[in-house]
Amino acid sequence: MEQWLILSLIAAACWGIYNFVIKVIVGRDFLNSGVKTAILFIVIGILITFAAYFILSRQAFSISAVNSKAALFGIFLGFVWGIGTIVFLRSLSNGADVSRMAPIFNLSILLPVAFGIILLGELPDKAQALRVIIGAALTIIGATLVAM
């Protein structure tokens, strides 16, 4: 199995665990800790994880070598992630079922697929294009069925 696929599966597992545990943290029928409390401790966990990554990584890093456009995009992504997380947590804290909500918000996978093909020129060959189209259609159908 290729390394990118293994890493992608690990990321999917981590986000899947996140989506379940966050429901336990903010859900009305569970710990009901509140959105702000959840965000605080999520950010602490993220800071610890990234600090460990920077410390344990053997790659050299210099803030002066960072491209300013990359920095601006990174800050923008932080805002996008933060808004998405707040909206997600508010929905869960207002009683949304994570089992119904997760397929709906995971429609987000359609955006990088479209952006990758349209903006980055990652147009796959015909066989891959057919699989991408079928996968996107199944994703939309699944989210629609779950939302009903």
N, C-alpha and C. Protein backbone atom coordinates (compact mmCIF):
# COMPACT_ATOMS: atom_id res chain seq x y z
N MET A 1 0.85 -1.17 0.00
CA MET A 1 0.00 0.00 0.00
C MET A 1 0.90 1.24 0.00
N GLU A 2 0.51 2.25 -0.78
CA GLU A 2 1.31 3.46 -0.88
C GLU A 2 1.21 4.30 0.40
N GLN A 3 2.29 5.04 0.68
CA GLN A 3 2.36 5.79 1.93
C GLN A 3 1.24 6.84 2.02
N TRP A 4 0.93 7.52 0.92
CA TRP A 4 -0.10 8.55 0.98
C TRP A 4 -1.46 7.94 1.37
N LEU A 5 -1.72 6.73 0.93
CA LEU A 5 -2.97 6.06 1.24
C LEU A 5 -3.02 5.67 2.73
N ILE A 6 -1.93 5.17 3.25
CA ILE A 6 -1.85 4.81 4.67
C ILE A 6 -2.06 6.06 5.52
N LEU A 7 -1.38 7.15 5.18
CA LEU A 7 -1.52 8.40 5.94
C LEU A 7 -2.95 8.94 5.84
N SER A 8 -3.57 8.82 4.68
CA SER A 8 -4.94 9.27 4.50
C SER A 8 -5.90 8.46 5.37
N LEU A 9 -5.69 7.17 5.47
CA LEU A 9 -6.54 6.32 6.30
C LEU A 9 -6.36 6.65 7.79
N ILE A 10 -5.13 6.93 8.19
CA ILE A 10 -4.87 7.33 9.58
C ILE A 10 -5.59 8.65 9.89
N ALA A 11 -5.50 9.62 8.96
CA ALA A 11 -6.19 10.90 9.15
C ALA A 11 -7.69 10.69 9.26
N ALA A 12 -8.25 9.85 8.39
CA ALA A 12 -9.69 9.58 8.43
C ALA A 12 -10.09 8.95 9.76
N ALA A 13 -9.27 8.04 10.25
CA ALA A 13 -9.55 7.41 11.55
C ALA A 13 -9.51 8.45 12.67
N CYS A 14 -8.51 9.33 12.64
CA CYS A 14 -8.40 10.37 13.67
C CYS A 14 -9.62 11.28 13.64
N TRP A 15 -10.03 11.73 12.46
CA TRP A 15 -11.19 12.62 12.37
C TRP A 15 -12.47 11.89 12.73
N GLY A 16 -12.55 10.60 12.43
CA GLY A 16 -13.71 9.82 12.84
C GLY A 16 -13.82 9.72 14.35
N ILE A 17 -12.70 9.47 15.00
CA ILE A 17 -12.68 9.43 16.46
C ILE A 17 -13.04 10.80 17.03
N TYR A 18 -12.49 11.85 16.44
CA TYR A 18 -12.79 13.22 16.86
C TYR A 18 -14.29 13.48 16.82
N ASN A 19 -14.92 13.11 15.70
CA ASN A 19 -16.35 13.38 15.54
C ASN A 19 -17.20 12.66 16.58
N PHE A 20 -16.79 11.49 16.98
CA PHE A 20 -17.53 10.75 18.02
C PHE A 20 -17.28 11.37 19.39
N VAL A 21 -16.02 11.56 19.74
CA VAL A 21 -15.68 12.04 21.09
C VAL A 21 -16.22 13.45 21.32
N ILE A 22 -16.22 14.29 20.29
CA ILE A 22 -16.71 15.65 20.48
C ILE A 22 -18.20 15.65 20.79
N LYS A 23 -18.93 14.69 20.25
CA LYS A 23 -20.36 14.57 20.59
C LYS A 23 -20.52 14.23 22.07
N VAL A 24 -19.65 13.36 22.57
CA VAL A 24 -19.70 13.01 23.99
C VAL A 24 -19.38 14.24 24.85
N ILE A 25 -18.45 15.07 24.41
CA ILE A 25 -18.05 16.24 25.19
C ILE A 25 -19.15 17.29 25.23
N VAL A 26 -19.75 17.64 24.08
CA VAL A 26 -20.70 18.76 24.04
C VAL A 26 -22.16 18.34 23.98
N GLY A 27 -22.44 17.08 23.74
CA GLY A 27 -23.83 16.64 23.60
C GLY A 27 -24.65 16.84 24.86
N ARG A 28 -25.88 17.24 24.68
CA ARG A 28 -26.78 17.50 25.81
C ARG A 28 -27.01 16.25 26.65
N ASP A 29 -27.02 15.10 26.01
CA ASP A 29 -27.30 13.85 26.72
C ASP A 29 -26.05 13.20 27.30
N PHE A 30 -24.91 13.86 27.16
CA PHE A 30 -23.65 13.27 27.62
C PHE A 30 -22.97 14.22 28.61
N LEU A 31 -21.76 14.68 28.34
CA LEU A 31 -21.04 15.54 29.28
C LEU A 31 -21.54 16.99 29.29
N ASN A 32 -22.08 17.44 28.15
CA ASN A 32 -22.68 18.77 28.05
C ASN A 32 -21.75 19.87 28.57
N SER A 33 -20.49 19.83 28.15
CA SER A 33 -19.50 20.76 28.70
C SER A 33 -19.58 22.16 28.12
N GLY A 34 -20.23 22.33 27.01
CA GLY A 34 -20.32 23.64 26.38
C GLY A 34 -19.29 23.80 25.27
N VAL A 35 -19.67 24.58 24.28
CA VAL A 35 -18.83 24.77 23.10
C VAL A 35 -17.51 25.44 23.44
N LYS A 36 -17.54 26.50 24.24
CA LYS A 36 -16.30 27.24 24.56
C LYS A 36 -15.32 26.37 25.33
N THR A 37 -15.82 25.58 26.26
CA THR A 37 -14.94 24.67 27.01
C THR A 37 -14.31 23.65 26.09
N ALA A 38 -15.12 23.09 25.20
CA ALA A 38 -14.60 22.11 24.25
C ALA A 38 -13.52 22.72 23.37
N ILE A 39 -13.78 23.92 22.86
CA ILE A 39 -12.80 24.59 21.99
C ILE A 39 -11.50 24.83 22.74
N LEU A 40 -11.58 25.30 23.97
CA LEU A 40 -10.38 25.56 24.77
C LEU A 40 -9.50 24.31 24.86
N PHE A 41 -10.09 23.19 25.22
CA PHE A 41 -9.28 21.98 25.40
C PHE A 41 -8.87 21.34 24.08
N ILE A 42 -9.66 21.54 23.03
CA ILE A 42 -9.23 21.08 21.70
C ILE A 42 -7.99 21.86 21.27
N VAL A 43 -8.01 23.17 21.46
CA VAL A 43 -6.86 24.00 21.08
C VAL A 43 -5.63 23.61 21.90
N ILE A 44 -5.80 23.35 23.18
CA ILE A 44 -4.67 22.91 24.01
C ILE A 44 -4.10 21.60 23.45
N GLY A 45 -4.98 20.66 23.11
CA GLY A 45 -4.53 19.39 22.53
C GLY A 45 -3.81 19.59 21.22
N ILE A 46 -4.31 20.49 20.38
CA ILE A 46 -3.67 20.79 19.10
C ILE A 46 -2.29 21.38 19.33
N LEU A 47 -2.18 22.33 20.25
CA LEU A 47 -0.88 22.96 20.53
C LEU A 47 0.13 21.94 21.03
N ILE A 48 -0.29 21.05 21.91
CA ILE A 48 0.61 20.02 22.42
C ILE A 48 1.05 19.10 21.29
N THR A 49 0.11 18.69 20.45
CA THR A 49 0.42 17.79 19.33
C THR A 49 1.40 18.44 18.36
N PHE A 50 1.12 19.68 17.98
CA PHE A 50 2.00 20.36 17.02
C PHE A 50 3.36 20.68 17.64
N ALA A 51 3.40 21.02 18.92
CA ALA A 51 4.68 21.25 19.58
C ALA A 51 5.52 19.98 19.56
N ALA A 52 4.89 18.86 19.87
CA ALA A 52 5.62 17.57 19.83
C ALA A 52 6.10 17.27 18.42
N TYR A 53 5.27 17.55 17.42
CA TYR A 53 5.67 17.33 16.03
C TYR A 53 6.91 18.16 15.68
N PHE A 54 6.88 19.45 16.04
CA PHE A 54 8.02 20.32 15.73
C PHE A 54 9.27 19.87 16.48
N ILE A 55 9.11 19.46 17.72
CA ILE A 55 10.26 19.05 18.53
C ILE A 55 10.84 17.72 18.04
N LEU A 56 9.96 16.77 17.72
CA LEU A 56 10.41 15.43 17.34
C LEU A 56 10.77 15.31 15.87
N SER A 57 10.30 16.23 15.04
CA SER A 57 10.60 16.17 13.61
C SER A 57 12.07 16.46 13.38
N ARG A 58 12.65 15.74 12.46
CA ARG A 58 14.07 15.92 12.16
C ARG A 58 14.30 16.94 11.05
N GLN A 59 13.22 17.55 10.58
CA GLN A 59 13.35 18.54 9.52
C GLN A 59 13.70 19.89 10.11
N ALA A 60 14.60 20.59 9.42
CA ALA A 60 14.96 21.94 9.85
C ALA A 60 13.80 22.88 9.57
N PHE A 61 13.62 23.88 10.41
CA PHE A 61 12.54 24.84 10.23
C PHE A 61 13.05 26.22 10.60
N SER A 62 12.78 27.18 9.71
CA SER A 62 13.15 28.56 9.98
C SER A 62 11.97 29.44 9.59
N ILE A 63 11.49 30.21 10.53
CA ILE A 63 10.35 31.08 10.27
C ILE A 63 10.69 32.11 9.21
N SER A 64 11.95 32.52 9.11
CA SER A 64 12.35 33.51 8.11
C SER A 64 12.31 32.94 6.70
N ALA A 65 12.32 31.63 6.56
CA ALA A 65 12.29 31.01 5.24
C ALA A 65 10.87 30.77 4.75
N VAL A 66 9.87 31.13 5.56
CA VAL A 66 8.48 30.88 5.19
C VAL A 66 8.03 31.89 4.14
N ASN A 67 7.41 31.41 3.09
CA ASN A 67 6.85 32.24 2.04
C ASN A 67 5.66 33.02 2.62
N SER A 68 5.60 34.33 2.38
CA SER A 68 4.53 35.15 2.96
C SER A 68 3.15 34.73 2.46
N LYS A 69 3.05 34.30 1.20
CA LYS A 69 1.76 33.82 0.70
C LYS A 69 1.34 32.55 1.42
N ALA A 70 2.30 31.67 1.67
CA ALA A 70 2.00 30.43 2.40
C ALA A 70 1.53 30.77 3.81
N ALA A 71 2.14 31.76 4.43
CA ALA A 71 1.73 32.18 5.78
C ALA A 71 0.30 32.71 5.77
N LEU A 72 -0.03 33.55 4.79
CA LEU A 72 -1.38 34.09 4.70
C LEU A 72 -2.42 32.99 4.45
N PHE A 73 -2.09 32.06 3.57
CA PHE A 73 -2.99 30.93 3.34
C PHE A 73 -3.16 30.11 4.61
N GLY A 74 -2.08 29.91 5.35
CA GLY A 74 -2.16 29.17 6.60
C GLY A 74 -3.05 29.85 7.61
N ILE A 75 -2.92 31.17 7.73
CA ILE A 75 -3.78 31.93 8.65
C ILE A 75 -5.24 31.85 8.20
N PHE A 76 -5.46 31.98 6.90
CA PHE A 76 -6.81 31.84 6.35
C PHE A 76 -7.38 30.46 6.70
N LEU A 77 -6.59 29.41 6.54
CA LEU A 77 -7.05 28.06 6.87
C LEU A 77 -7.38 27.92 8.35
N GLY A 78 -6.62 28.60 9.20
CA GLY A 78 -6.93 28.60 10.62
C GLY A 78 -8.31 29.19 10.89
N PHE A 79 -8.63 30.29 10.21
CA PHE A 79 -9.95 30.90 10.35
C PHE A 79 -11.03 29.95 9.84
N VAL A 80 -10.79 29.36 8.67
CA VAL A 80 -11.78 28.44 8.08
C VAL A 80 -12.01 27.25 9.02
N TRP A 81 -10.93 26.67 9.52
CA TRP A 81 -11.05 25.53 10.45
C TRP A 81 -11.80 25.95 11.71
N GLY A 82 -11.45 27.11 12.24
CA GLY A 82 -12.10 27.59 13.46
C GLY A 82 -13.59 27.80 13.28
N ILE A 83 -13.99 28.44 12.18
CA ILE A 83 -15.41 28.66 11.91
C ILE A 83 -16.13 27.33 11.76
N GLY A 84 -15.55 26.42 10.98
CA GLY A 84 -16.16 25.10 10.79
C GLY A 84 -16.31 24.35 12.10
N THR A 85 -15.30 24.42 12.95
CA THR A 85 -15.35 23.73 14.23
C THR A 85 -16.42 24.33 15.14
N ILE A 86 -16.50 25.65 15.19
CA ILE A 86 -17.50 26.30 16.03
C ILE A 86 -18.91 25.93 15.58
N VAL A 87 -19.15 25.98 14.28
CA VAL A 87 -20.48 25.65 13.75
C VAL A 87 -20.81 24.18 14.03
N PHE A 88 -19.83 23.31 13.82
CA PHE A 88 -20.00 21.88 14.09
C PHE A 88 -20.34 21.63 15.56
N LEU A 89 -19.59 22.25 16.46
CA LEU A 89 -19.82 22.07 17.90
C LEU A 89 -21.18 22.62 18.32
N ARG A 90 -21.55 23.76 17.77
CA ARG A 90 -22.86 24.34 18.11
C ARG A 90 -23.98 23.42 17.68
N SER A 91 -23.83 22.84 16.50
CA SER A 91 -24.85 21.91 16.01
C SER A 91 -24.97 20.70 16.93
N LEU A 92 -23.84 20.13 17.32
CA LEU A 92 -23.87 18.98 18.23
C LEU A 92 -24.44 19.36 19.59
N SER A 93 -24.06 20.53 20.09
CA SER A 93 -24.56 20.94 21.40
C SER A 93 -26.05 21.26 21.38
N ASN A 94 -26.58 21.51 20.20
CA ASN A 94 -28.02 21.78 20.05
C ASN A 94 -28.81 20.51 19.74
N GLY A 95 -28.17 19.35 19.89
CA GLY A 95 -28.89 18.10 19.78
C GLY A 95 -28.75 17.33 18.49
N ALA A 96 -27.89 17.76 17.57
CA ALA A 96 -27.71 17.02 16.32
C ALA A 96 -27.15 15.63 16.62
N ASP A 97 -27.60 14.66 15.87
CA ASP A 97 -27.06 13.30 15.97
C ASP A 97 -25.80 13.22 15.14
N VAL A 98 -24.69 12.84 15.77
CA VAL A 98 -23.43 12.77 15.04
C VAL A 98 -23.51 11.73 13.93
N SER A 99 -24.31 10.69 14.13
CA SER A 99 -24.44 9.64 13.11
C SER A 99 -25.15 10.15 11.86
N ARG A 100 -25.98 11.17 11.99
CA ARG A 100 -26.64 11.78 10.83
C ARG A 100 -25.87 12.98 10.32
N MET A 101 -25.21 13.69 11.21
CA MET A 101 -24.52 14.91 10.82
C MET A 101 -23.21 14.64 10.08
N ALA A 102 -22.47 13.63 10.52
CA ALA A 102 -21.16 13.36 9.93
C ALA A 102 -21.21 13.14 8.42
N PRO A 103 -22.13 12.34 7.90
CA PRO A 103 -22.17 12.19 6.44
C PRO A 103 -22.49 13.50 5.72
N ILE A 104 -23.26 14.36 6.36
CA ILE A 104 -23.62 15.64 5.72
C ILE A 104 -22.42 16.57 5.67
N PHE A 105 -21.73 16.75 6.80
CA PHE A 105 -20.60 17.67 6.75
C PHE A 105 -19.42 17.08 6.00
N ASN A 106 -19.41 15.77 5.82
CA ASN A 106 -18.33 15.18 5.03
C ASN A 106 -18.56 15.32 3.53
N LEU A 107 -19.64 16.00 3.15
CA LEU A 107 -19.76 16.43 1.76
C LEU A 107 -18.62 17.37 1.40
N SER A 108 -17.94 17.86 2.44
CA SER A 108 -16.79 18.75 2.22
C SER A 108 -15.73 18.11 1.34
N ILE A 109 -15.70 16.80 1.26
CA ILE A 109 -14.69 16.15 0.40
C ILE A 109 -14.89 16.49 -1.06
N LEU A 110 -16.09 16.92 -1.42
CA LEU A 110 -16.34 17.28 -2.82
C LEU A 110 -15.58 18.55 -3.22
N LEU A 111 -15.37 19.46 -2.26
CA LEU A 111 -14.67 20.70 -2.58
C LEU A 111 -13.21 20.48 -2.98
N PRO A 112 -12.41 19.75 -2.19
CA PRO A 112 -11.03 19.56 -2.65
C PRO A 112 -10.94 18.73 -3.93
N VAL A 113 -11.89 17.83 -4.14
CA VAL A 113 -11.89 17.07 -5.40
C VAL A 113 -12.10 18.04 -6.56
N ALA A 114 -13.12 18.88 -6.46
CA ALA A 114 -13.40 19.85 -7.53
C ALA A 114 -12.26 20.85 -7.69
N PHE A 115 -11.77 21.40 -6.57
CA PHE A 115 -10.67 22.37 -6.64
C PHE A 115 -9.41 21.74 -7.22
N GLY A 116 -9.12 20.50 -6.82
CA GLY A 116 -7.94 19.82 -7.34
C GLY A 116 -8.01 19.63 -8.84
N ILE A 117 -9.16 19.24 -9.32
CA ILE A 117 -9.32 19.01 -10.76
C ILE A 117 -9.35 20.34 -11.52
N ILE A 118 -10.16 21.29 -11.05
CA ILE A 118 -10.37 22.54 -11.78
C ILE A 118 -9.20 23.51 -11.62
N LEU A 119 -8.77 23.76 -10.38
CA LEU A 119 -7.78 24.80 -10.12
C LEU A 119 -6.33 24.32 -10.19
N LEU A 120 -6.11 23.05 -9.80
CA LEU A 120 -4.73 22.54 -9.77
C LEU A 120 -4.39 21.66 -10.97
N GLY A 121 -5.36 21.42 -11.81
CA GLY A 121 -5.11 20.62 -13.01
C GLY A 121 -4.85 19.15 -12.72
N GLU A 122 -5.41 18.64 -11.65
CA GLU A 122 -5.21 17.24 -11.28
C GLU A 122 -6.25 16.36 -11.96
N LEU A 123 -6.51 16.65 -13.22
CA LEU A 123 -7.50 15.89 -13.96
C LEU A 123 -7.01 14.48 -14.18
N PRO A 124 -7.69 13.52 -13.60
CA PRO A 124 -7.25 12.13 -13.73
C PRO A 124 -7.52 11.60 -15.14
N ASP A 125 -6.94 10.44 -15.45
CA ASP A 125 -7.23 9.82 -16.74
C ASP A 125 -8.70 9.39 -16.75
N LYS A 126 -9.18 8.90 -17.87
CA LYS A 126 -10.61 8.60 -18.01
C LYS A 126 -11.10 7.58 -16.99
N ALA A 127 -10.32 6.55 -16.72
CA ALA A 127 -10.74 5.54 -15.73
C ALA A 127 -10.83 6.15 -14.34
N GLN A 128 -9.82 6.96 -13.98
CA GLN A 128 -9.86 7.62 -12.67
C GLN A 128 -10.99 8.64 -12.60
N ALA A 129 -11.22 9.37 -13.70
CA ALA A 129 -12.28 10.37 -13.74
C ALA A 129 -13.63 9.72 -13.49
N LEU A 130 -13.86 8.56 -14.09
CA LEU A 130 -15.12 7.85 -13.89
C LEU A 130 -15.29 7.44 -12.44
N ARG A 131 -14.22 6.94 -11.81
CA ARG A 131 -14.29 6.56 -10.40
C ARG A 131 -14.55 7.77 -9.51
N VAL A 132 -13.92 8.91 -9.84
CA VAL A 132 -14.13 10.13 -9.06
C VAL A 132 -15.57 10.60 -9.18
N ILE A 133 -16.11 10.58 -10.37
CA ILE A 133 -17.50 11.01 -10.59
C ILE A 133 -18.48 10.09 -9.85
N ILE A 134 -18.27 8.78 -9.95
CA ILE A 134 -19.13 7.82 -9.26
C ILE A 134 -19.01 8.00 -7.74
N GLY A 135 -17.79 8.17 -7.24
CA GLY A 135 -17.60 8.38 -5.81
C GLY A 135 -18.27 9.65 -5.32
N ALA A 136 -18.17 10.73 -6.09
CA ALA A 136 -18.81 11.99 -5.72
C ALA A 136 -20.33 11.82 -5.71
N ALA A 137 -20.86 11.14 -6.71
CA ALA A 137 -22.31 10.92 -6.78
C ALA A 137 -22.79 10.09 -5.59
N LEU A 138 -22.04 9.05 -5.25
CA LEU A 138 -22.42 8.21 -4.10
C LEU A 138 -22.35 8.99 -2.80
N THR A 139 -21.37 9.88 -2.69
CA THR A 139 -21.25 10.73 -1.50
C THR A 139 -22.48 11.61 -1.35
N ILE A 140 -22.91 12.22 -2.45
CA ILE A 140 -24.08 13.11 -2.43
C ILE A 140 -25.34 12.31 -2.11
N ILE A 141 -25.48 11.14 -2.73
CA ILE A 141 -26.65 10.29 -2.47
C ILE A 141 -26.68 9.86 -1.01
N GLY A 142 -25.54 9.42 -0.48
CA GLY A 142 -25.48 9.00 0.92
C GLY A 142 -25.84 10.11 1.88
N ALA A 143 -25.30 11.29 1.67
CA ALA A 143 -25.61 12.42 2.56
C ALA A 143 -27.08 12.79 2.48
N THR A 144 -27.65 12.73 1.29
CA THR A 144 -29.07 13.03 1.11
C THR A 144 -29.94 12.02 1.86
N LEU A 145 -29.60 10.74 1.75
CA LEU A 145 -30.37 9.71 2.44
C LEU A 145 -30.29 9.86 3.95
N VAL A 146 -29.13 10.19 4.45
CA VAL A 146 -28.94 10.34 5.90
C VAL A 146 -29.70 11.56 6.41
N ALA A 147 -29.75 12.62 5.61
CA ALA A 147 -30.39 13.86 6.05
C ALA A 147 -31.92 13.77 6.08
N MET A 148 -32.48 12.78 5.40
CA MET A 148 -33.95 12.68 5.32
C MET A 148 -34.55 12.25 6.64
